Amino acid sequence: MKKKGISYREATSPEDIHRYHQLLKNYYRLKLRRFVPDETFFQKLSTSSNARNVIITYKDKVIGGYTCIYNQGNAFLWFSAFKRKTYIHLHPDTMTIWQALSDAQEQDAQHLHFMDAGLPLKSNLYREFILGFGGKPVTKFRWFRFYPKVINLLLHWLYKD
């Protein structure tokens, strides 16, 4: 990462948290199902010993970031955002997720859980991107809940891996 001029640091200052929050808001602006909490939420998380807000920078511009929570030997990736199209030559999506994996390993986490990776459909690019790092899906198909149980069984059979 240093070779390309990319660096990362924990966002602890109010200015860094503001820049990270702006990135999150812009990233999830068109994703209607995703809720981004207020900036004060991330400021409170930065004071906790069990949470980290990390930003990835290039020439002092935030090109990626993530929020990770650590609990009982597990790491939970709550939020991640990156400027994938603007800085395509730097691969900020890969750098951000790789840094989250590295930090989870440094924190002695046994697993890194990606929260809200999406529906188990073939057209879900983010989910396929996440699985490209060697993980395996462990969902229980909680999205399919219809009154006749026969429909649930049919959908489970159609979308099982």
N, C-alpha and C. Protein backbone atom coordinates (compact mmCIF):
# COMPACT_ATOMS: atom_id res chain seq x y z
N MET A 1 0.82 -1.19 0.00
CA MET A 1 0.00 0.00 0.00
C MET A 1 0.87 1.26 0.00
N LYS A 2 1.96 1.22 0.72
CA LYS A 2 2.83 2.40 0.78
C LYS A 2 3.43 2.72 -0.58
N LYS A 3 3.64 1.69 -1.39
CA LYS A 3 4.27 1.87 -2.69
C LYS A 3 3.44 2.77 -3.61
N LYS A 4 2.13 2.67 -3.53
CA LYS A 4 1.25 3.49 -4.36
C LYS A 4 0.88 4.81 -3.70
N GLY A 5 1.36 5.05 -2.50
CA GLY A 5 1.02 6.28 -1.80
C GLY A 5 -0.26 6.19 -0.99
N ILE A 6 -0.73 4.98 -0.78
CA ILE A 6 -1.95 4.77 -0.01
C ILE A 6 -1.56 4.50 1.44
N SER A 7 -2.26 5.14 2.35
CA SER A 7 -2.00 4.91 3.77
C SER A 7 -3.34 4.73 4.48
N TYR A 8 -3.27 4.19 5.66
CA TYR A 8 -4.47 4.03 6.46
C TYR A 8 -4.19 4.47 7.88
N ARG A 9 -5.24 4.89 8.55
CA ARG A 9 -5.12 5.26 9.96
C ARG A 9 -6.50 5.19 10.60
N GLU A 10 -6.47 5.09 11.90
CA GLU A 10 -7.73 5.08 12.63
C GLU A 10 -8.28 6.50 12.68
N ALA A 11 -9.55 6.63 12.41
CA ALA A 11 -10.20 7.94 12.42
C ALA A 11 -10.62 8.26 13.85
N THR A 12 -9.82 9.07 14.52
CA THR A 12 -10.14 9.44 15.90
C THR A 12 -10.48 10.91 16.03
N SER A 13 -9.94 11.74 15.16
CA SER A 13 -10.22 13.17 15.24
C SER A 13 -11.59 13.46 14.64
N PRO A 14 -12.25 14.51 15.12
CA PRO A 14 -13.57 14.87 14.56
C PRO A 14 -13.52 15.14 13.05
N GLU A 15 -12.42 15.69 12.57
CA GLU A 15 -12.31 15.96 11.12
C GLU A 15 -12.25 14.66 10.32
N ASP A 16 -11.47 13.68 10.80
CA ASP A 16 -11.39 12.39 10.10
C ASP A 16 -12.73 11.67 10.13
N ILE A 17 -13.40 11.72 11.26
CA ILE A 17 -14.71 11.06 11.36
C ILE A 17 -15.71 11.74 10.45
N HIS A 18 -15.64 13.07 10.34
CA HIS A 18 -16.53 13.79 9.44
C HIS A 18 -16.28 13.38 7.98
N ARG A 19 -15.02 13.28 7.60
CA ARG A 19 -14.68 12.87 6.23
C ARG A 19 -15.14 11.44 5.95
N TYR A 20 -14.97 10.56 6.92
CA TYR A 20 -15.42 9.17 6.78
C TYR A 20 -16.94 9.11 6.68
N HIS A 21 -17.63 9.90 7.50
CA HIS A 21 -19.09 9.90 7.48
C HIS A 21 -19.61 10.42 6.14
N GLN A 22 -18.95 11.43 5.58
CA GLN A 22 -19.35 11.95 4.26
C GLN A 22 -19.18 10.86 3.20
N LEU A 23 -18.09 10.11 3.28
CA LEU A 23 -17.87 9.01 2.34
C LEU A 23 -18.98 7.98 2.45
N LEU A 24 -19.35 7.62 3.68
CA LEU A 24 -20.43 6.65 3.89
C LEU A 24 -21.75 7.15 3.34
N LYS A 25 -22.08 8.40 3.63
CA LYS A 25 -23.34 8.96 3.14
C LYS A 25 -23.39 8.97 1.62
N ASN A 26 -22.31 9.36 0.99
CA ASN A 26 -22.29 9.38 -0.48
C ASN A 26 -22.33 7.97 -1.07
N TYR A 27 -21.66 7.05 -0.41
CA TYR A 27 -21.61 5.67 -0.91
C TYR A 27 -22.98 5.00 -0.83
N TYR A 28 -23.70 5.22 0.28
CA TYR A 28 -24.99 4.58 0.49
C TYR A 28 -26.17 5.47 0.08
N ARG A 29 -25.91 6.57 -0.60
CA ARG A 29 -26.98 7.49 -0.97
C ARG A 29 -28.04 6.82 -1.84
N LEU A 30 -27.66 6.01 -2.79
CA LEU A 30 -28.61 5.37 -3.69
C LEU A 30 -29.04 3.98 -3.22
N LYS A 31 -28.48 3.51 -2.14
CA LYS A 31 -28.86 2.20 -1.60
C LYS A 31 -29.91 2.45 -0.52
N LEU A 32 -31.17 2.31 -0.91
CA LEU A 32 -32.27 2.72 -0.04
C LEU A 32 -32.40 1.87 1.22
N ARG A 33 -32.01 0.62 1.17
CA ARG A 33 -32.18 -0.25 2.32
C ARG A 33 -31.14 -0.02 3.41
N ARG A 34 -30.09 0.67 3.10
CA ARG A 34 -28.99 0.82 4.05
C ARG A 34 -29.12 2.11 4.84
N PHE A 35 -29.10 2.00 6.15
CA PHE A 35 -29.20 3.14 7.05
C PHE A 35 -27.80 3.52 7.54
N VAL A 36 -27.46 4.79 7.41
CA VAL A 36 -26.19 5.30 7.92
C VAL A 36 -26.49 6.16 9.14
N PRO A 37 -25.99 5.78 10.32
CA PRO A 37 -26.25 6.56 11.53
C PRO A 37 -25.64 7.95 11.46
N ASP A 38 -26.01 8.77 12.42
CA ASP A 38 -25.51 10.13 12.52
C ASP A 38 -24.00 10.11 12.83
N GLU A 39 -23.37 11.22 12.56
CA GLU A 39 -21.92 11.33 12.76
C GLU A 39 -21.52 11.14 14.22
N THR A 40 -22.39 11.53 15.15
CA THR A 40 -22.07 11.37 16.57
C THR A 40 -21.95 9.89 16.96
N PHE A 41 -22.67 9.03 16.26
CA PHE A 41 -22.56 7.59 16.50
C PHE A 41 -21.12 7.11 16.27
N PHE A 42 -20.52 7.55 15.17
CA PHE A 42 -19.16 7.14 14.85
C PHE A 42 -18.15 7.81 15.78
N GLN A 43 -18.45 9.01 16.27
CA GLN A 43 -17.57 9.66 17.24
C GLN A 43 -17.57 8.89 18.56
N LYS A 44 -18.73 8.40 18.97
CA LYS A 44 -18.79 7.60 20.20
C LYS A 44 -18.10 6.25 20.02
N LEU A 45 -18.23 5.67 18.83
CA LEU A 45 -17.54 4.40 18.57
C LEU A 45 -16.03 4.56 18.64
N SER A 46 -15.53 5.72 18.23
CA SER A 46 -14.08 5.92 18.21
C SER A 46 -13.49 5.97 19.62
N THR A 47 -14.31 6.23 20.62
CA THR A 47 -13.82 6.26 22.00
C THR A 47 -13.85 4.87 22.65
N SER A 48 -14.50 3.92 21.99
CA SER A 48 -14.61 2.57 22.53
C SER A 48 -13.36 1.76 22.21
N SER A 49 -13.01 0.85 23.12
CA SER A 49 -11.85 -0.01 22.88
C SER A 49 -12.22 -1.22 22.02
N ASN A 50 -13.51 -1.45 21.82
CA ASN A 50 -13.97 -2.60 21.02
C ASN A 50 -14.36 -2.23 19.60
N ALA A 51 -14.10 -1.01 19.18
CA ALA A 51 -14.51 -0.58 17.84
C ALA A 51 -13.40 0.25 17.20
N ARG A 52 -13.37 0.20 15.87
CA ARG A 52 -12.40 1.01 15.12
C ARG A 52 -13.06 1.57 13.88
N ASN A 53 -12.87 2.86 13.66
CA ASN A 53 -13.21 3.51 12.40
C ASN A 53 -11.89 3.77 11.70
N VAL A 54 -11.70 3.18 10.55
CA VAL A 54 -10.43 3.29 9.83
C VAL A 54 -10.68 3.93 8.48
N ILE A 55 -9.80 4.87 8.11
CA ILE A 55 -9.90 5.49 6.79
C ILE A 55 -8.66 5.13 5.97
N ILE A 56 -8.87 4.97 4.68
CA ILE A 56 -7.80 4.71 3.72
C ILE A 56 -7.64 6.00 2.93
N THR A 57 -6.42 6.54 2.87
CA THR A 57 -6.21 7.83 2.21
C THR A 57 -5.20 7.71 1.08
N TYR A 58 -5.36 8.61 0.11
CA TYR A 58 -4.43 8.74 -1.00
C TYR A 58 -4.28 10.23 -1.27
N LYS A 59 -3.08 10.74 -1.12
CA LYS A 59 -2.81 12.18 -1.27
C LYS A 59 -3.76 13.01 -0.41
N ASP A 60 -3.91 12.58 0.84
CA ASP A 60 -4.74 13.24 1.85
C ASP A 60 -6.22 13.30 1.48
N LYS A 61 -6.68 12.42 0.59
CA LYS A 61 -8.10 12.30 0.27
C LYS A 61 -8.56 10.93 0.72
N VAL A 62 -9.72 10.88 1.35
CA VAL A 62 -10.27 9.61 1.83
C VAL A 62 -10.85 8.85 0.64
N ILE A 63 -10.28 7.68 0.36
CA ILE A 63 -10.77 6.87 -0.75
C ILE A 63 -11.46 5.59 -0.27
N GLY A 64 -11.42 5.34 1.02
CA GLY A 64 -12.07 4.16 1.58
C GLY A 64 -12.10 4.24 3.09
N GLY A 65 -12.92 3.40 3.67
CA GLY A 65 -13.00 3.35 5.13
C GLY A 65 -13.92 2.24 5.58
N TYR A 66 -13.78 1.88 6.84
CA TYR A 66 -14.64 0.85 7.39
C TYR A 66 -14.79 1.03 8.89
N THR A 67 -15.86 0.44 9.42
CA THR A 67 -16.10 0.39 10.85
C THR A 67 -16.17 -1.07 11.25
N CYS A 68 -15.34 -1.44 12.20
CA CYS A 68 -15.25 -2.83 12.63
C CYS A 68 -15.42 -2.90 14.14
N ILE A 69 -16.21 -3.85 14.59
CA ILE A 69 -16.46 -4.06 16.02
C ILE A 69 -15.83 -5.40 16.41
N TYR A 70 -15.16 -5.43 17.55
CA TYR A 70 -14.48 -6.64 18.03
C TYR A 70 -15.15 -7.10 19.32
N ASN A 71 -15.52 -8.40 19.34
CA ASN A 71 -16.20 -8.93 20.51
C ASN A 71 -15.96 -10.44 20.59
N GLN A 72 -15.44 -10.91 21.71
CA GLN A 72 -15.26 -12.33 22.02
C GLN A 72 -14.56 -13.09 20.89
N GLY A 73 -13.47 -12.57 20.41
CA GLY A 73 -12.69 -13.26 19.39
C GLY A 73 -13.26 -13.18 17.98
N ASN A 74 -14.25 -12.35 17.78
CA ASN A 74 -14.84 -12.16 16.46
C ASN A 74 -14.76 -10.69 16.07
N ALA A 75 -14.70 -10.46 14.78
CA ALA A 75 -14.72 -9.09 14.25
C ALA A 75 -15.94 -8.97 13.35
N PHE A 76 -16.65 -7.85 13.49
CA PHE A 76 -17.85 -7.61 12.70
C PHE A 76 -17.65 -6.35 11.88
N LEU A 77 -17.67 -6.49 10.58
CA LEU A 77 -17.52 -5.35 9.67
C LEU A 77 -18.90 -4.74 9.47
N TRP A 78 -19.18 -3.65 10.22
CA TRP A 78 -20.49 -3.02 10.17
C TRP A 78 -20.67 -2.19 8.92
N PHE A 79 -19.70 -1.35 8.62
CA PHE A 79 -19.80 -0.46 7.47
C PHE A 79 -18.49 -0.50 6.70
N SER A 80 -18.59 -0.43 5.40
CA SER A 80 -17.41 -0.24 4.56
C SER A 80 -17.85 0.56 3.34
N ALA A 81 -16.99 1.46 2.92
CA ALA A 81 -17.28 2.30 1.75
C ALA A 81 -15.97 2.64 1.07
N PHE A 82 -16.04 2.85 -0.22
CA PHE A 82 -14.83 3.17 -0.98
C PHE A 82 -15.22 3.87 -2.27
N LYS A 83 -14.27 4.60 -2.80
CA LYS A 83 -14.46 5.30 -4.08
C LYS A 83 -13.90 4.42 -5.19
N ARG A 84 -14.64 3.38 -5.49
CA ARG A 84 -14.18 2.36 -6.43
C ARG A 84 -14.06 2.89 -7.85
N LYS A 85 -14.96 3.75 -8.27
CA LYS A 85 -14.95 4.23 -9.65
C LYS A 85 -14.01 5.42 -9.85
N THR A 86 -13.90 6.27 -8.86
CA THR A 86 -13.04 7.45 -8.99
C THR A 86 -11.57 7.08 -9.02
N TYR A 87 -11.18 6.16 -8.14
CA TYR A 87 -9.77 5.75 -8.04
C TYR A 87 -9.63 4.28 -8.45
N ILE A 88 -10.10 3.96 -9.62
CA ILE A 88 -10.13 2.55 -10.07
C ILE A 88 -8.73 1.95 -10.16
N HIS A 89 -7.74 2.76 -10.50
CA HIS A 89 -6.37 2.25 -10.66
C HIS A 89 -5.72 1.90 -9.32
N LEU A 90 -6.29 2.37 -8.21
CA LEU A 90 -5.74 2.08 -6.88
C LEU A 90 -6.44 0.92 -6.20
N HIS A 91 -7.57 0.48 -6.73
CA HIS A 91 -8.37 -0.61 -6.15
C HIS A 91 -8.70 -0.35 -4.67
N PRO A 92 -9.39 0.76 -4.38
CA PRO A 92 -9.68 1.06 -2.97
C PRO A 92 -10.61 0.04 -2.31
N ASP A 93 -11.45 -0.64 -3.09
CA ASP A 93 -12.32 -1.66 -2.50
C ASP A 93 -11.50 -2.82 -1.95
N THR A 94 -10.54 -3.29 -2.73
CA THR A 94 -9.68 -4.39 -2.28
C THR A 94 -8.80 -3.95 -1.11
N MET A 95 -8.25 -2.75 -1.20
CA MET A 95 -7.38 -2.24 -0.12
C MET A 95 -8.15 -2.11 1.20
N THR A 96 -9.39 -1.63 1.11
CA THR A 96 -10.19 -1.43 2.32
C THR A 96 -10.51 -2.76 3.00
N ILE A 97 -11.01 -3.71 2.23
CA ILE A 97 -11.37 -5.01 2.81
C ILE A 97 -10.12 -5.75 3.29
N TRP A 98 -9.04 -5.65 2.54
CA TRP A 98 -7.79 -6.31 2.96
C TRP A 98 -7.29 -5.73 4.27
N GLN A 99 -7.40 -4.42 4.44
CA GLN A 99 -6.97 -3.80 5.69
C GLN A 99 -7.86 -4.23 6.84
N ALA A 100 -9.16 -4.39 6.58
CA ALA A 100 -10.07 -4.89 7.62
C ALA A 100 -9.69 -6.31 8.03
N LEU A 101 -9.34 -7.13 7.06
CA LEU A 101 -8.88 -8.50 7.37
C LEU A 101 -7.58 -8.49 8.17
N SER A 102 -6.66 -7.63 7.79
CA SER A 102 -5.37 -7.53 8.51
C SER A 102 -5.58 -7.05 9.94
N ASP A 103 -6.43 -6.04 10.12
CA ASP A 103 -6.70 -5.54 11.47
C ASP A 103 -7.38 -6.60 12.33
N ALA A 104 -8.29 -7.36 11.73
CA ALA A 104 -8.96 -8.42 12.49
C ALA A 104 -7.94 -9.46 12.94
N GLN A 105 -6.97 -9.75 12.10
CA GLN A 105 -5.93 -10.71 12.48
C GLN A 105 -5.06 -10.14 13.60
N GLU A 106 -4.73 -8.85 13.53
CA GLU A 106 -3.93 -8.22 14.59
C GLU A 106 -4.67 -8.20 15.92
N GLN A 107 -6.00 -8.13 15.87
CA GLN A 107 -6.81 -8.13 17.09
C GLN A 107 -7.10 -9.55 17.58
N ASP A 108 -6.46 -10.55 16.95
CA ASP A 108 -6.65 -11.96 17.29
C ASP A 108 -8.09 -12.43 17.13
N ALA A 109 -8.78 -11.90 16.15
CA ALA A 109 -10.14 -12.33 15.86
C ALA A 109 -10.09 -13.63 15.06
N GLN A 110 -10.92 -14.58 15.45
CA GLN A 110 -10.97 -15.86 14.75
C GLN A 110 -11.73 -15.76 13.43
N HIS A 111 -12.73 -14.89 13.39
CA HIS A 111 -13.57 -14.73 12.20
C HIS A 111 -13.84 -13.26 11.96
N LEU A 112 -14.01 -12.91 10.70
CA LEU A 112 -14.47 -11.57 10.32
C LEU A 112 -15.83 -11.75 9.66
N HIS A 113 -16.85 -11.23 10.31
CA HIS A 113 -18.22 -11.35 9.80
C HIS A 113 -18.56 -10.09 9.00
N PHE A 114 -18.93 -10.27 7.75
CA PHE A 114 -19.35 -9.15 6.90
C PHE A 114 -20.85 -8.96 7.10
N MET A 115 -21.23 -7.86 7.69
CA MET A 115 -22.63 -7.59 7.93
C MET A 115 -23.27 -7.03 6.66
N ASP A 116 -24.47 -7.47 6.37
CA ASP A 116 -25.25 -7.01 5.22
C ASP A 116 -24.51 -7.22 3.90
N ALA A 117 -24.07 -8.45 3.68
CA ALA A 117 -23.41 -8.77 2.40
C ALA A 117 -24.43 -8.92 1.28
N GLY A 118 -25.70 -9.02 1.62
CA GLY A 118 -26.73 -9.03 0.59
C GLY A 118 -27.38 -10.38 0.38
N LEU A 119 -28.34 -10.37 -0.51
CA LEU A 119 -29.07 -11.59 -0.85
C LEU A 119 -28.19 -12.58 -1.59
N PRO A 120 -28.45 -13.86 -1.41
CA PRO A 120 -27.63 -14.87 -2.09
C PRO A 120 -28.03 -15.07 -3.55
N LEU A 121 -27.98 -14.01 -4.31
CA LEU A 121 -28.31 -14.07 -5.73
C LEU A 121 -27.04 -13.96 -6.55
N LYS A 122 -27.07 -14.49 -7.74
CA LYS A 122 -25.88 -14.48 -8.59
C LYS A 122 -25.51 -13.07 -9.05
N SER A 123 -26.47 -12.17 -9.08
CA SER A 123 -26.20 -10.82 -9.59
C SER A 123 -25.68 -9.86 -8.52
N ASN A 124 -25.44 -10.33 -7.29
CA ASN A 124 -24.97 -9.48 -6.21
C ASN A 124 -23.44 -9.36 -6.29
N LEU A 125 -22.96 -8.25 -6.85
CA LEU A 125 -21.53 -8.08 -7.07
C LEU A 125 -20.75 -7.92 -5.76
N TYR A 126 -21.33 -7.21 -4.77
CA TYR A 126 -20.63 -7.01 -3.50
C TYR A 126 -20.43 -8.35 -2.79
N ARG A 127 -21.46 -9.17 -2.80
CA ARG A 127 -21.35 -10.48 -2.16
C ARG A 127 -20.29 -11.34 -2.84
N GLU A 128 -20.25 -11.32 -4.15
CA GLU A 128 -19.23 -12.07 -4.88
C GLU A 128 -17.84 -11.53 -4.60
N PHE A 129 -17.73 -10.21 -4.46
CA PHE A 129 -16.45 -9.58 -4.13
C PHE A 129 -15.97 -10.04 -2.76
N ILE A 130 -16.87 -10.07 -1.79
CA ILE A 130 -16.53 -10.51 -0.43
C ILE A 130 -16.11 -11.98 -0.44
N LEU A 131 -16.84 -12.81 -1.16
CA LEU A 131 -16.50 -14.24 -1.20
C LEU A 131 -15.18 -14.48 -1.92
N GLY A 132 -14.74 -13.53 -2.71
CA GLY A 132 -13.46 -13.65 -3.40
C GLY A 132 -12.26 -13.65 -2.46
N PHE A 133 -12.45 -13.23 -1.21
CA PHE A 133 -11.38 -13.24 -0.23
C PHE A 133 -11.25 -14.58 0.48
N GLY A 134 -12.03 -15.56 0.07
CA GLY A 134 -11.90 -16.90 0.62
C GLY A 134 -12.91 -17.25 1.68
N GLY A 135 -13.90 -16.41 1.90
CA GLY A 135 -14.90 -16.71 2.91
C GLY A 135 -15.96 -17.67 2.38
N LYS A 136 -16.86 -18.04 3.27
CA LYS A 136 -17.97 -18.88 2.86
C LYS A 136 -19.25 -18.30 3.44
N PRO A 137 -20.34 -18.36 2.68
CA PRO A 137 -21.60 -17.81 3.19
C PRO A 137 -22.19 -18.73 4.26
N VAL A 138 -22.72 -18.12 5.30
CA VAL A 138 -23.32 -18.89 6.38
C VAL A 138 -24.74 -18.41 6.66
N THR A 139 -25.41 -17.90 5.66
CA THR A 139 -26.75 -17.38 5.84
C THR A 139 -27.74 -18.51 6.04
N LYS A 140 -28.84 -18.18 6.63
CA LYS A 140 -29.91 -19.15 6.85
C LYS A 140 -31.14 -18.79 6.02
N PHE A 141 -30.95 -18.02 4.95
CA PHE A 141 -32.03 -17.63 4.05
C PHE A 141 -33.17 -16.96 4.81
N ARG A 142 -32.81 -16.03 5.66
CA ARG A 142 -33.80 -15.33 6.48
C ARG A 142 -34.65 -14.39 5.66
N TRP A 143 -34.31 -14.18 4.39
CA TRP A 143 -35.05 -13.23 3.56
C TRP A 143 -36.36 -13.81 3.06
N PHE A 144 -36.45 -15.12 3.01
CA PHE A 144 -37.62 -15.75 2.43
C PHE A 144 -38.55 -16.22 3.54
N ARG A 145 -39.59 -15.46 3.78
CA ARG A 145 -40.58 -15.83 4.78
C ARG A 145 -41.97 -15.56 4.20
N PHE A 146 -42.56 -16.61 3.66
CA PHE A 146 -43.90 -16.52 3.12
C PHE A 146 -44.80 -17.43 3.93
N TYR A 147 -46.08 -17.12 3.93
CA TYR A 147 -47.01 -17.86 4.77
C TYR A 147 -47.07 -19.34 4.42
N PRO A 148 -47.35 -19.72 3.20
CA PRO A 148 -47.31 -21.17 2.94
C PRO A 148 -45.87 -21.68 3.01
N LYS A 149 -45.61 -22.62 3.90
CA LYS A 149 -44.24 -23.11 4.09
C LYS A 149 -43.69 -23.78 2.84
N VAL A 150 -44.56 -24.21 1.98
CA VAL A 150 -44.11 -24.86 0.74
C VAL A 150 -43.31 -23.87 -0.11
N ILE A 151 -43.74 -22.61 -0.13
CA ILE A 151 -43.03 -21.59 -0.89
C ILE A 151 -41.65 -21.35 -0.27
N ASN A 152 -41.57 -21.32 1.06
CA ASN A 152 -40.27 -21.16 1.73
C ASN A 152 -39.32 -22.31 1.36
N LEU A 153 -39.83 -23.52 1.38
CA LEU A 153 -39.00 -24.68 1.04
C LEU A 153 -38.54 -24.62 -0.42
N LEU A 154 -39.43 -24.19 -1.30
CA LEU A 154 -39.08 -24.08 -2.71
C LEU A 154 -37.99 -23.03 -2.93
N LEU A 155 -38.14 -21.86 -2.30
CA LEU A 155 -37.13 -20.80 -2.44
C LEU A 155 -35.80 -21.22 -1.82
N HIS A 156 -35.86 -21.90 -0.69
CA HIS A 156 -34.64 -22.40 -0.07
C HIS A 156 -33.92 -23.37 -1.00
N TRP A 157 -34.66 -24.24 -1.64
CA TRP A 157 -34.07 -25.21 -2.56
C TRP A 157 -33.48 -24.52 -3.78
N LEU A 158 -34.16 -23.49 -4.29
CA LEU A 158 -33.68 -22.77 -5.47
C LEU A 158 -32.38 -22.02 -5.22
N TYR A 159 -32.24 -21.41 -4.04
CA TYR A 159 -31.11 -20.52 -3.78
C TYR A 159 -30.03 -21.11 -2.91
N LYS A 160 -30.10 -22.40 -2.59
CA LYS A 160 -29.04 -22.98 -1.76
C LYS A 160 -27.76 -23.11 -2.56
N ASP A 161 -26.64 -23.00 -1.85
CA ASP A 161 -25.33 -23.06 -2.52
C ASP A 161 -24.90 -24.48 -2.76
